[in-house]
């Protein structure tokens, strides 16, 4: 039985359950994006710095939550959630957060390798960190209502595309900003993303508790 297995074997089971989908973010974050950015920088030098940041903005937050989204579907989907009845809500969120944090730490480490082309490297790290946390909260909220990983990914991708083509320093949800990060910018444009993410996660967690209470009360 899964609940008797060690944590490492449980995570191995979850990764096996989503087949090879967990490999995609590893390849994109660690190989494709860094190599592509390096070559376009070498060819165009400083003229491509903003484009490099745009590429990271587009791929890294999305693929930081990718694996966690597909693992979360196991818990939220009507087809499989009853199989994991022994997984409490706290444990379910801890599981998805593990995948998110592992991917996020990996993404931030890869960004550090871009020291040769990003001037405000630390500021850019904080930007990506804030956006990625927001993507995690948003993905959990969408998953809670849709119970589908493909739908969640499609909504995140649409939001990602909107931010690629539309930017505004006055609307924090349009997060792409290529200026040097200041304290004021962080507090007005990026900290709200973290705050909203926490609210989303709280809503999902509370929603799950309410469902359990309702089903318990309704049981004779």
Protein backbone atom coordinates (compact mmCIF):
# COMPACT_ATOMS: atom_id res chain seq x y z
CA UNK A 1 0.00 0.00 0.00
CA UNK A 2 1.21 3.51 -0.85
CA UNK A 3 0.62 4.96 2.62
CA UNK A 4 3.11 2.44 4.05
CA UNK A 5 5.88 3.40 1.66
CA UNK A 6 8.69 5.83 2.48
CA UNK A 7 8.46 9.45 1.32
CA UNK A 8 11.02 8.82 -1.40
CA UNK A 9 9.04 5.89 -2.80
CA UNK A 10 5.84 7.92 -2.67
CA UNK A 11 7.40 10.67 -4.75
CA UNK A 12 8.75 8.06 -7.13
CA UNK A 13 5.22 6.73 -7.48
CA UNK A 14 3.80 10.20 -8.22
CA UNK A 15 6.42 10.91 -10.87
CA UNK A 16 5.76 7.53 -12.45
CA UNK A 17 2.02 8.29 -12.42
CA UNK A 18 2.46 11.40 -14.56
CA UNK A 19 4.72 9.44 -16.92
CA UNK A 20 7.55 11.51 -18.44
CA UNK A 21 5.89 14.91 -18.07
CA UNK A 22 8.22 15.82 -15.19
CA UNK A 23 11.21 15.60 -17.55
CA UNK A 24 10.02 18.49 -19.75
CA UNK A 25 10.68 21.35 -17.29
CA UNK A 26 14.11 19.92 -16.48
CA UNK A 27 15.10 19.90 -20.14
CA UNK A 28 13.66 23.35 -20.88
CA UNK A 29 14.97 25.12 -17.77
CA UNK A 30 18.39 23.47 -17.61
CA UNK A 31 19.23 22.99 -21.25
CA UNK A 32 17.13 24.67 -23.93
CA UNK A 33 16.62 28.13 -22.41
CA UNK A 34 20.22 28.65 -21.13
CA UNK A 35 21.76 27.52 -24.42
CA UNK A 36 19.37 29.61 -26.50
CA UNK A 37 20.00 32.69 -24.35
CA UNK A 38 23.77 32.19 -24.53
CA UNK A 39 23.79 31.98 -28.32
CA UNK A 40 21.52 34.98 -28.91
CA UNK A 41 23.60 37.01 -26.45
CA UNK A 42 26.83 36.07 -28.23
CA UNK A 43 25.32 36.98 -31.58
CA UNK A 44 23.72 40.27 -30.52
CA UNK A 45 25.46 41.15 -27.24
CA UNK A 46 23.68 43.77 -25.10
CA UNK A 47 20.93 44.38 -27.65
CA UNK A 48 19.24 41.13 -26.60
CA UNK A 49 19.25 41.51 -22.80
CA UNK A 50 15.54 42.40 -22.59
CA UNK A 51 14.69 39.53 -24.92
CA UNK A 52 16.63 37.14 -22.70
CA UNK A 53 14.69 38.35 -19.66
CA UNK A 54 11.44 37.98 -21.61
CA UNK A 55 12.30 34.37 -22.41
CA UNK A 56 12.99 33.64 -18.75
CA UNK A 57 9.77 35.41 -17.71
CA UNK A 58 7.84 33.25 -20.16
CA UNK A 59 9.29 29.82 -19.39
CA UNK A 60 10.56 29.72 -15.82
CA UNK A 61 7.42 30.53 -13.74
CA UNK A 62 5.29 28.25 -15.91
CA UNK A 63 7.65 25.30 -15.70
CA UNK A 64 8.29 25.86 -11.99
CA UNK A 65 4.71 24.73 -11.32
CA UNK A 66 4.44 22.24 -14.20
CA UNK A 67 5.22 19.02 -12.30
CA UNK A 68 3.27 20.11 -9.22
CA UNK A 69 0.17 20.73 -11.35
CA UNK A 70 0.16 17.23 -12.82
CA UNK A 71 0.80 15.66 -9.42
CA UNK A 72 -1.97 17.80 -7.90
CA UNK A 73 -4.42 16.39 -10.46
CA UNK A 74 -4.04 13.03 -8.73
CA UNK A 75 -5.46 14.58 -5.56
CA UNK A 76 -8.10 16.85 -7.12
CA UNK A 77 -9.45 14.71 -9.95
CA UNK A 78 -12.77 12.95 -9.31
CA UNK A 79 -11.29 9.80 -10.85
CA UNK A 80 -8.42 9.40 -8.41
CA UNK A 81 -9.01 11.56 -5.33
CA UNK A 82 -10.86 8.77 -3.48
CA UNK A 83 -7.85 6.49 -3.92
CA UNK A 84 -5.82 8.93 -1.83
CA UNK A 85 -8.35 9.30 0.98
CA UNK A 86 -5.54 8.65 3.48
CA UNK A 87 -3.74 11.76 2.23
CA UNK A 88 -4.97 14.65 4.34
CA UNK A 89 -5.25 18.14 2.89
CA UNK A 90 -2.08 19.30 4.61
CA UNK A 91 -0.16 16.36 3.20
CA UNK A 92 -1.53 16.92 -0.30
CA UNK A 93 -0.38 20.52 -0.34
CA UNK A 94 2.98 19.62 1.17
CA UNK A 95 3.46 17.15 -1.68
CA UNK A 96 2.73 19.67 -4.44
CA UNK A 97 4.85 22.33 -2.74
CA UNK A 98 7.83 19.98 -2.69
CA UNK A 99 7.74 19.70 -6.49
CA UNK A 100 7.24 23.43 -6.82
CA UNK A 101 10.14 24.33 -4.53
CA UNK A 102 12.49 21.86 -6.20
CA UNK A 103 11.68 23.30 -9.63
CA UNK A 104 11.86 26.88 -8.34
CA UNK A 105 15.26 26.42 -6.69
CA UNK A 106 16.53 24.82 -9.87
CA UNK A 107 15.18 27.71 -11.97
CA UNK A 108 16.73 30.35 -9.71
CA UNK A 109 20.08 28.53 -9.83
CA UNK A 110 19.96 28.54 -13.64
CA UNK A 111 19.18 32.27 -13.62
CA UNK A 112 22.39 32.82 -11.65
CA UNK A 113 24.23 31.37 -14.65
CA UNK A 114 22.98 34.39 -16.63
CA UNK A 115 25.28 36.73 -14.67
CA UNK A 116 27.06 37.56 -17.94
CA UNK A 117 24.01 39.21 -19.49
CA UNK A 118 21.65 40.39 -16.72
CA UNK A 119 22.89 43.48 -14.90
CA UNK A 120 20.35 43.53 -12.07
CA UNK A 121 20.67 39.80 -11.41
CA UNK A 122 19.53 39.81 -7.76
CA UNK A 123 16.59 42.06 -8.57
CA UNK A 124 15.60 39.81 -11.45
CA UNK A 125 15.77 36.79 -9.15
CA UNK A 126 13.27 38.43 -6.80
CA UNK A 127 10.99 39.19 -9.75
CA UNK A 128 10.97 35.59 -10.95
CA UNK A 129 10.58 34.31 -7.39
CA UNK A 130 7.50 36.48 -6.84
CA UNK A 131 5.93 35.55 -10.17
CA UNK A 132 6.60 31.84 -9.65
CA UNK A 133 4.96 31.90 -6.20
CA UNK A 134 1.93 33.60 -7.78
CA UNK A 135 1.81 30.92 -10.48
CA UNK A 136 1.77 28.25 -7.79
CA UNK A 137 -1.13 29.85 -5.96
CA UNK A 138 -3.02 30.48 -9.19
CA UNK A 139 -2.43 26.93 -10.43
CA UNK A 140 -3.79 25.44 -7.20
CA UNK A 141 -6.89 27.64 -7.43
CA UNK A 142 -7.55 26.68 -11.05
CA UNK A 143 -6.93 23.02 -10.28
CA UNK A 144 -9.35 23.18 -7.35
CA UNK A 145 -12.19 24.29 -9.62
CA UNK A 146 -11.29 22.54 -12.88
CA UNK A 147 -9.84 19.32 -11.44
CA UNK A 148 -7.85 19.07 -14.65
CA UNK A 149 -4.13 19.56 -15.23
CA UNK A 150 -4.50 20.30 -18.98
CA UNK A 151 -7.07 23.03 -18.29
CA UNK A 152 -4.86 24.49 -15.56
CA UNK A 153 -1.83 24.53 -17.87
CA UNK A 154 -3.86 26.12 -20.68
CA UNK A 155 -5.10 28.93 -18.41
CA UNK A 156 -1.57 29.56 -17.11
CA UNK A 157 -0.24 29.57 -20.66
CA UNK A 158 -2.87 32.11 -21.71
CA UNK A 159 -1.97 34.33 -18.76
CA UNK A 160 1.71 33.88 -19.63
CA UNK A 161 1.06 35.01 -23.21
CA UNK A 162 -0.93 38.04 -22.04
CA UNK A 163 2.02 39.15 -19.93
CA UNK A 164 4.38 38.61 -22.84
CA UNK A 165 2.50 41.08 -25.05
CA UNK A 166 0.96 43.43 -22.48
CA UNK A 167 2.87 45.18 -19.71
CA UNK A 168 1.98 47.87 -17.20
CA UNK A 169 3.84 49.23 -14.19
CA UNK A 170 0.48 50.25 -12.66
CA UNK A 171 -1.16 46.80 -12.72
CA UNK A 172 0.77 44.24 -10.67
CA UNK A 173 -0.90 41.31 -12.44
CA UNK A 174 0.94 42.43 -15.59
CA UNK A 175 4.24 41.63 -14.00
CA UNK A 176 6.87 41.96 -16.76
CA UNK A 177 9.10 44.90 -15.91
CA UNK A 178 12.65 45.25 -17.20
CA UNK A 179 13.78 48.19 -15.10
CA UNK A 180 16.16 47.78 -12.15
CA UNK A 181 14.18 46.50 -9.17
CA UNK A 182 13.71 49.05 -6.41
CA UNK A 183 12.05 48.62 -3.02
CA UNK A 184 9.08 50.67 -4.21
CA UNK A 185 8.71 48.56 -7.35
CA UNK A 186 8.90 45.35 -5.31
CA UNK A 187 6.26 46.52 -2.83
CA UNK A 188 3.86 47.77 -5.51
CA UNK A 189 4.40 45.27 -8.34
CA UNK A 190 5.77 42.01 -6.95
CA UNK A 191 4.92 41.65 -3.25
CA UNK A 192 1.18 41.79 -4.11
CA UNK A 193 1.70 38.71 -6.30
CA UNK A 194 3.01 36.80 -3.28
CA UNK A 195 0.16 38.06 -1.11
CA UNK A 196 -2.50 37.05 -3.66
CA UNK A 197 -0.85 33.64 -4.02
CA UNK A 198 -1.14 33.08 -0.26
CA UNK A 199 -4.81 34.10 -0.43
CA UNK A 200 -5.44 31.65 -3.28
CA UNK A 201 -3.76 28.80 -1.39
CA UNK A 202 -5.78 29.66 1.73
CA UNK A 203 -9.02 29.64 -0.27
CA UNK A 204 -8.25 26.24 -1.74
CA UNK A 205 -7.26 24.81 1.63
CA UNK A 206 -10.34 26.20 3.34
CA UNK A 207 -12.50 24.97 0.48
CA UNK A 208 -11.21 21.44 0.94
CA UNK A 209 -11.89 21.62 4.68
CA UNK A 210 -15.45 22.82 4.06
CA UNK A 211 -16.07 19.94 1.64
CA UNK A 212 -14.83 17.39 4.19
CA UNK A 213 -16.96 18.91 6.95
CA UNK A 214 -20.02 18.94 4.71
CA UNK A 215 -19.58 15.30 3.69
CA UNK A 216 -18.98 14.30 7.32
CA UNK A 217 -22.12 16.08 8.55
CA UNK A 218 -24.17 14.52 5.76
CA UNK A 219 -23.02 11.01 6.65
CA UNK A 220 -25.58 9.14 8.78
